Amino acid sequence: MIELKDLQLLTALARHQHFARAAEACHMSQPAFSMRIRSLEDKLGLSIVRRGNRFQGLTAEGQMIVERARGILDDAKALDQEIAAARGEVTGTLVIGVVPTATSYAAQLVDRMHQAHPRVFVRLEVTTSLSIQQRLYDGTLDVGVTYSDSVGRDDMSVTDLYDEAYVVFASEQMLSGHETQMSWRNAAQLPLSLLEPQMQNRRILDRIFADLDLRPEIVSESSGFMASLVMARAGSVATILPQALVEALGPLQGTRTLRLVDPEPSWPICLASVERQPELTTIRALKAVIAAGPL
């Protein structure tokens, strides 16, 4: 009989597409992980993994098992949480995927969730909107805090959270001469540090600049905001940030934040999860925390 542990290892391998990374994610040594997969193949009498000098993917039989395994693992997780709920407890692990621009909101949400349900362990994974959509379907994320327009609505439960607006952040010296706002046209003339092009926030900014027929001076790119914040505070660049992130950080000495205008676009951020019955207890609890009021 196939054990749940076998299914967990196999779905980890399907996700990471690499034996060493999958073994690390499962807190096992690579030899022990590989031996467990090989033992599963021997038990079933078929090949699950296409092997060469390196991992080459799953066989058709392996892919079929993974697809069924995800549903079984989801049901097992839901059962564990329902049993705990019957005892009057909300417990378990909740994995949240979040786009980089929404990390400050997600952090505040996790803090409120911890206060309401201290026995729920929450893991935040910062990634792209495309990755969130894919991982919601393959079951490696429970919910996503992401852009509403990146989520398919047919089989998704979507809760609107807030609208993402934008500000320019730089040293006081770089923004001297401006009071509380700056046009996108003027922002395009500053040396900018932005997210990488595959990030949806960057695609949004590129679209805004393109619609205004502007070609901004982009001097650096990164996968997160920290590098841009450090360089902007040092005075070498400016960066464009979500207003929610700036409000969560609070004032930083030697810097200023200006609202971007002409135009003043905003993009909706939502909480997304795959519709399922019954819904995970942890997801229901998270939605109740959100419904209790603004962060």
Protein backbone atom coordinates (compact mmCIF):
# COMPACT_ATOMS: atom_id res chain seq x y z
CA MET A 1 0.00 0.00 0.00
CA ILE A 2 1.25 3.50 -0.84
CA GLU A 3 1.92 5.60 2.26
CA LEU A 4 1.11 9.31 2.55
CA LYS A 5 4.82 9.96 3.07
CA ASP A 6 5.54 8.45 -0.36
CA LEU A 7 3.00 10.77 -1.95
CA GLN A 8 4.48 13.78 -0.16
CA LEU A 9 7.95 12.95 -1.46
CA LEU A 10 6.72 12.38 -4.98
CA THR A 11 4.77 15.66 -5.13
CA ALA A 12 7.86 17.48 -3.79
CA LEU A 13 9.93 15.96 -6.59
CA ALA A 14 7.32 17.01 -9.16
CA ARG A 15 7.40 20.55 -7.81
CA HIS A 16 11.17 21.02 -7.52
CA GLN A 17 12.17 18.92 -10.56
CA HIS A 18 15.43 18.15 -8.76
CA PHE A 19 16.27 15.36 -6.29
CA ALA A 20 18.53 17.42 -4.00
CA ARG A 21 16.11 20.37 -3.72
CA ALA A 22 13.14 18.07 -3.17
CA ALA A 23 15.04 16.13 -0.50
CA GLU A 24 15.97 19.37 1.26
CA ALA A 25 12.34 20.54 1.20
CA CYS A 26 11.33 17.24 2.81
CA HIS A 27 14.12 17.46 5.42
CA MET A 28 15.85 14.33 4.14
CA SER A 29 19.26 13.50 2.76
CA GLN A 30 19.34 13.04 -0.99
CA PRO A 31 20.40 9.35 -0.80
CA ALA A 32 17.54 8.57 1.61
CA PHE A 33 15.09 10.49 -0.59
CA SER A 34 16.22 8.72 -3.77
CA MET A 35 16.07 5.33 -2.05
CA ARG A 36 12.49 5.99 -0.92
CA ILE A 37 11.43 6.89 -4.47
CA ARG A 38 13.19 3.79 -5.83
CA SER A 39 11.48 1.62 -3.20
CA LEU A 40 8.11 3.05 -4.24
CA GLU A 41 8.83 2.11 -7.87
CA ASP A 42 9.75 -1.42 -6.81
CA LYS A 43 6.58 -1.67 -4.72
CA LEU A 44 4.39 -0.54 -7.63
CA GLY A 45 6.31 -2.46 -10.29
CA LEU A 46 6.65 0.53 -12.63
CA SER A 47 8.93 3.46 -13.35
CA ILE A 48 7.88 6.80 -11.89
CA VAL A 49 10.95 8.90 -12.73
CA ARG A 50 12.75 9.25 -16.05
CA ARG A 51 16.41 9.05 -15.14
CA GLY A 52 19.66 10.01 -16.83
CA ASN A 53 22.72 11.83 -15.54
CA ARG A 54 20.18 14.14 -13.88
CA PHE A 55 16.43 14.28 -13.22
CA GLN A 56 14.58 14.27 -16.56
CA GLY A 57 10.99 14.42 -15.36
CA LEU A 58 8.25 12.01 -14.46
CA THR A 59 6.96 9.17 -16.60
CA ALA A 60 3.33 9.22 -17.71
CA GLU A 61 2.55 6.82 -14.84
CA GLY A 62 4.43 9.04 -12.41
CA GLN A 63 2.53 12.11 -13.53
CA MET A 64 -0.77 10.27 -13.11
CA ILE A 65 0.17 9.29 -9.55
CA VAL A 66 1.20 12.87 -8.71
CA GLU A 67 -2.11 14.27 -9.96
CA ARG A 68 -4.06 11.81 -7.79
CA ALA A 69 -1.64 12.30 -4.89
CA ARG A 70 -2.31 16.03 -4.67
CA GLY A 71 -6.01 15.43 -4.14
CA ILE A 72 -5.34 12.71 -1.55
CA LEU A 73 -2.91 14.92 0.37
CA ASP A 74 -5.36 17.84 0.26
CA ASP A 75 -8.11 15.59 1.64
CA ALA A 76 -5.82 14.29 4.39
CA LYS A 77 -4.90 17.84 5.38
CA ALA A 78 -8.55 18.88 5.41
CA LEU A 79 -9.44 15.86 7.56
CA ASP A 80 -6.74 16.69 10.12
CA GLN A 81 -8.01 20.26 10.35
CA GLU A 82 -11.68 19.21 10.59
CA ILE A 83 -10.86 16.83 13.45
CA ALA A 84 -9.06 19.66 15.28
CA ALA A 85 -12.01 21.98 14.59
CA ALA A 86 -14.38 19.42 16.12
CA ARG A 87 -12.34 19.77 19.32
CA GLY A 88 -12.80 23.54 19.15
CA GLU A 89 -9.28 24.21 17.83
CA VAL A 90 -8.00 25.93 14.72
CA THR A 91 -4.62 24.42 14.02
CA GLY A 92 -2.40 23.34 11.15
CA THR A 93 -0.07 24.88 8.59
CA LEU A 94 -1.22 27.58 6.16
CA VAL A 95 1.02 28.28 3.17
CA ILE A 96 0.48 31.72 1.61
CA GLY A 97 2.04 32.79 -1.69
CA VAL A 98 2.41 36.55 -1.97
CA VAL A 99 3.59 38.87 -4.75
CA PRO A 100 6.50 41.11 -3.65
CA THR A 101 4.42 44.29 -3.67
CA ALA A 102 1.97 42.83 -1.12
CA THR A 103 4.49 41.52 1.42
CA SER A 104 3.81 44.29 3.94
CA TYR A 105 0.05 43.62 3.82
CA ALA A 106 0.63 39.87 4.08
CA ALA A 107 2.95 40.32 7.08
CA GLN A 108 0.29 42.34 8.90
CA LEU A 109 -2.31 39.72 7.99
CA VAL A 110 -0.12 36.93 9.38
CA ASP A 111 0.38 38.91 12.60
CA ARG A 112 -3.39 39.30 13.04
CA MET A 113 -3.90 35.61 12.19
CA HIS A 114 -1.38 34.64 14.87
CA GLN A 115 -3.18 36.75 17.44
CA ALA A 116 -6.54 35.17 16.58
CA HIS A 117 -5.28 31.59 16.12
CA PRO A 118 -1.87 31.08 17.76
CA ARG A 119 -1.80 27.36 16.93
CA VAL A 120 -1.84 27.98 13.19
CA PHE A 121 1.65 28.02 11.66
CA VAL A 122 1.81 30.32 8.64
CA ARG A 123 4.51 30.15 5.99
CA LEU A 124 4.83 33.11 3.60
CA GLU A 125 6.44 32.47 0.21
CA VAL A 126 7.20 35.55 -1.88
CA THR A 127 6.96 34.73 -5.57
CA THR A 128 5.49 35.87 -8.89
CA SER A 129 1.78 36.09 -9.70
CA LEU A 130 2.22 33.36 -12.36
CA SER A 131 3.85 31.03 -9.84
CA ILE A 132 1.04 31.68 -7.35
CA GLN A 133 -1.60 30.75 -9.91
CA GLN A 134 0.22 27.55 -10.88
CA ARG A 135 0.92 26.50 -7.29
CA LEU A 136 -2.63 27.08 -6.14
CA TYR A 137 -3.70 24.51 -8.73
CA ASP A 138 -0.99 21.99 -7.88
CA GLY A 139 -1.73 22.28 -4.16
CA THR A 140 1.64 23.57 -2.95
CA LEU A 141 0.03 26.85 -1.87
CA ASP A 142 -3.16 27.12 0.18
CA VAL A 143 -3.93 30.74 -0.70
CA GLY A 144 -2.35 33.56 -2.65
CA VAL A 145 -2.19 37.31 -2.07
CA THR A 146 -1.87 38.45 -5.65
CA TYR A 147 -3.16 40.69 -8.44
CA SER A 148 -6.84 40.12 -9.15
CA ASP A 149 -6.34 40.13 -12.92
CA SER A 150 -3.86 37.25 -12.69
CA VAL A 151 -6.40 34.85 -11.19
CA GLY A 152 -8.80 32.71 -13.20
CA ARG A 153 -12.24 33.17 -11.63
CA ASP A 154 -14.07 30.01 -12.73
CA ASP A 155 -12.80 27.64 -10.03
CA MET A 156 -11.26 30.17 -7.66
CA SER A 157 -12.58 31.73 -4.47
CA VAL A 158 -11.55 35.40 -4.59
CA THR A 159 -11.72 37.96 -1.78
CA ASP A 160 -10.92 41.59 -2.68
CA LEU A 161 -8.34 43.12 -0.33
CA TYR A 162 -7.21 46.59 -1.46
CA ASP A 163 -6.12 48.64 -4.47
CA GLU A 164 -2.39 49.01 -5.05
CA ALA A 165 -1.36 52.64 -5.67
CA TYR A 166 2.17 53.91 -6.37
CA VAL A 167 4.65 56.40 -4.95
CA VAL A 168 8.18 57.42 -5.77
CA PHE A 169 10.74 56.95 -2.99
CA ALA A 170 14.16 58.62 -2.96
CA SER A 171 16.54 60.75 -0.92
CA GLU A 172 15.43 64.21 0.18
CA GLN A 173 18.03 65.75 -2.11
CA MET A 174 16.86 63.89 -5.21
CA LEU A 175 13.24 64.93 -4.62
CA SER A 176 13.92 68.53 -3.64
CA GLY A 177 11.63 71.02 -5.37
CA HIS A 178 8.60 68.75 -5.14
CA GLU A 179 6.06 69.05 -2.34
CA THR A 180 3.74 66.04 -2.05
CA GLN A 181 3.43 64.63 -5.55
CA MET A 182 5.31 64.01 -8.79
CA SER A 183 4.16 63.24 -12.31
CA TRP A 184 5.11 59.98 -13.98
CA ARG A 185 6.82 62.09 -16.64
CA ASN A 186 9.15 63.60 -14.04
CA ALA A 187 9.70 60.23 -12.38
CA ALA A 188 10.85 58.81 -15.72
CA GLN A 189 13.72 61.29 -15.70
CA LEU A 190 15.13 59.93 -12.43
CA PRO A 191 17.64 57.05 -12.25
CA LEU A 192 15.31 54.20 -11.23
CA SER A 193 15.79 50.84 -9.54
CA LEU A 194 12.79 48.57 -10.18
CA LEU A 195 11.74 44.94 -9.90
CA GLU A 196 12.76 42.48 -12.59
CA PRO A 197 10.71 42.42 -15.84
CA GLN A 198 9.03 39.06 -15.08
CA MET A 199 7.38 40.53 -11.98
CA GLN A 200 3.82 41.73 -12.58
CA ASN A 201 4.45 44.98 -10.69
CA ARG A 202 7.23 45.75 -13.17
CA ARG A 203 4.97 44.89 -16.10
CA ILE A 204 2.38 47.30 -14.69
CA LEU A 205 4.92 50.10 -14.39
CA ASP A 206 6.27 49.40 -17.88
CA ARG A 207 2.70 49.60 -19.22
CA ILE A 208 2.10 52.95 -17.52
CA PHE A 209 5.30 54.41 -18.92
CA ALA A 210 4.57 53.01 -22.38
CA ASP A 211 1.02 54.44 -22.39
CA LEU A 212 2.56 57.85 -21.65
CA ASP A 213 5.22 57.30 -24.37
CA LEU A 214 7.97 57.56 -21.74
CA ARG A 215 11.31 55.75 -21.67
CA PRO A 216 12.49 55.79 -18.05
CA GLU A 217 16.13 55.57 -17.03
CA ILE A 218 16.33 52.16 -15.32
CA VAL A 219 19.78 51.66 -13.82
CA SER A 220 19.20 48.46 -11.80
CA GLU A 221 16.73 45.61 -11.30
CA SER A 222 16.15 43.13 -8.48
CA SER A 223 13.77 40.36 -7.44
CA GLY A 224 12.69 42.24 -4.29
CA PHE A 225 12.47 45.76 -2.91
CA MET A 226 15.27 45.69 -0.33
CA ALA A 227 18.13 46.51 -2.72
CA SER A 228 16.19 49.38 -4.26
CA LEU A 229 15.31 50.76 -0.83
CA VAL A 230 18.94 50.69 0.32
CA MET A 231 20.22 52.37 -2.85
CA ALA A 232 17.44 54.96 -2.80
CA ARG A 233 18.21 55.83 0.80
CA ALA A 234 21.89 56.21 -0.12
CA GLY A 235 20.87 58.76 -2.76
CA SER A 236 22.04 57.01 -5.92
CA VAL A 237 18.63 56.02 -7.32
CA ALA A 238 14.90 56.48 -6.87
CA THR A 239 12.40 53.65 -6.85
CA ILE A 240 8.65 53.24 -7.33
CA LEU A 241 6.88 51.40 -4.53
CA PRO A 242 3.36 50.35 -3.58
CA GLN A 243 1.92 52.91 -1.18
CA ALA A 244 0.95 50.13 1.27
CA LEU A 245 4.61 49.09 1.60
CA VAL A 246 5.75 52.64 2.36
CA GLU A 247 3.02 53.10 4.95
CA ALA A 248 4.04 49.85 6.67
CA LEU A 249 7.73 50.85 6.75
CA GLY A 250 7.06 54.31 8.17
CA PRO A 251 9.42 57.31 7.73
CA LEU A 252 13.06 56.58 6.89
CA GLN A 253 15.50 59.31 7.82
CA GLY A 254 16.91 61.24 4.87
CA THR A 255 14.23 60.08 2.43
CA ARG A 256 10.94 61.34 1.02
CA THR A 257 7.91 59.75 -0.58
CA LEU A 258 5.82 61.47 -3.25
CA ARG A 259 2.47 60.39 -4.64
CA LEU A 260 2.64 59.67 -8.37
CA VAL A 261 0.05 61.55 -10.43
CA ASP A 262 -0.96 62.23 -14.04
CA PRO A 263 -2.30 59.54 -14.05
CA GLU A 264 -3.10 57.90 -10.68
CA PRO A 265 -3.59 54.24 -11.59
CA SER A 266 -4.30 51.45 -9.12
CA TRP A 267 -4.42 47.65 -9.41
CA PRO A 268 -6.63 45.46 -7.19
CA ILE A 269 -5.01 42.92 -4.87
CA CYS A 270 -6.99 39.87 -3.76
CA LEU A 271 -6.85 36.72 -1.68
CA ALA A 272 -7.26 33.70 -3.97
CA SER A 273 -7.75 30.01 -3.25
CA VAL A 274 -9.03 27.05 -5.23
CA GLU A 275 -12.69 26.36 -4.49
CA ARG A 276 -13.10 23.12 -2.60
CA GLN A 277 -15.63 21.53 -0.28
CA PRO A 278 -15.06 21.44 2.55
CA GLU A 279 -12.80 24.48 2.65
CA LEU A 280 -9.70 24.11 4.84
CA THR A 281 -10.35 25.28 8.39
CA THR A 282 -7.23 27.45 8.26
CA ILE A 283 -8.45 29.21 5.11
CA ARG A 284 -11.88 29.84 6.67
CA ALA A 285 -10.14 31.29 9.72
CA LEU A 286 -7.96 33.54 7.55
CA LYS A 287 -11.00 34.86 5.67
CA ALA A 288 -12.72 35.57 8.98
CA VAL A 289 -9.68 37.59 10.11
CA ILE A 290 -9.85 39.61 6.89
CA ALA A 291 -13.61 40.16 7.25
CA ALA A 292 -13.11 41.47 10.80
CA GLY A 293 -11.87 44.80 9.44
CA PRO A 294 -9.06 46.60 7.61
CA LEU A 295 -5.48 45.98 8.71
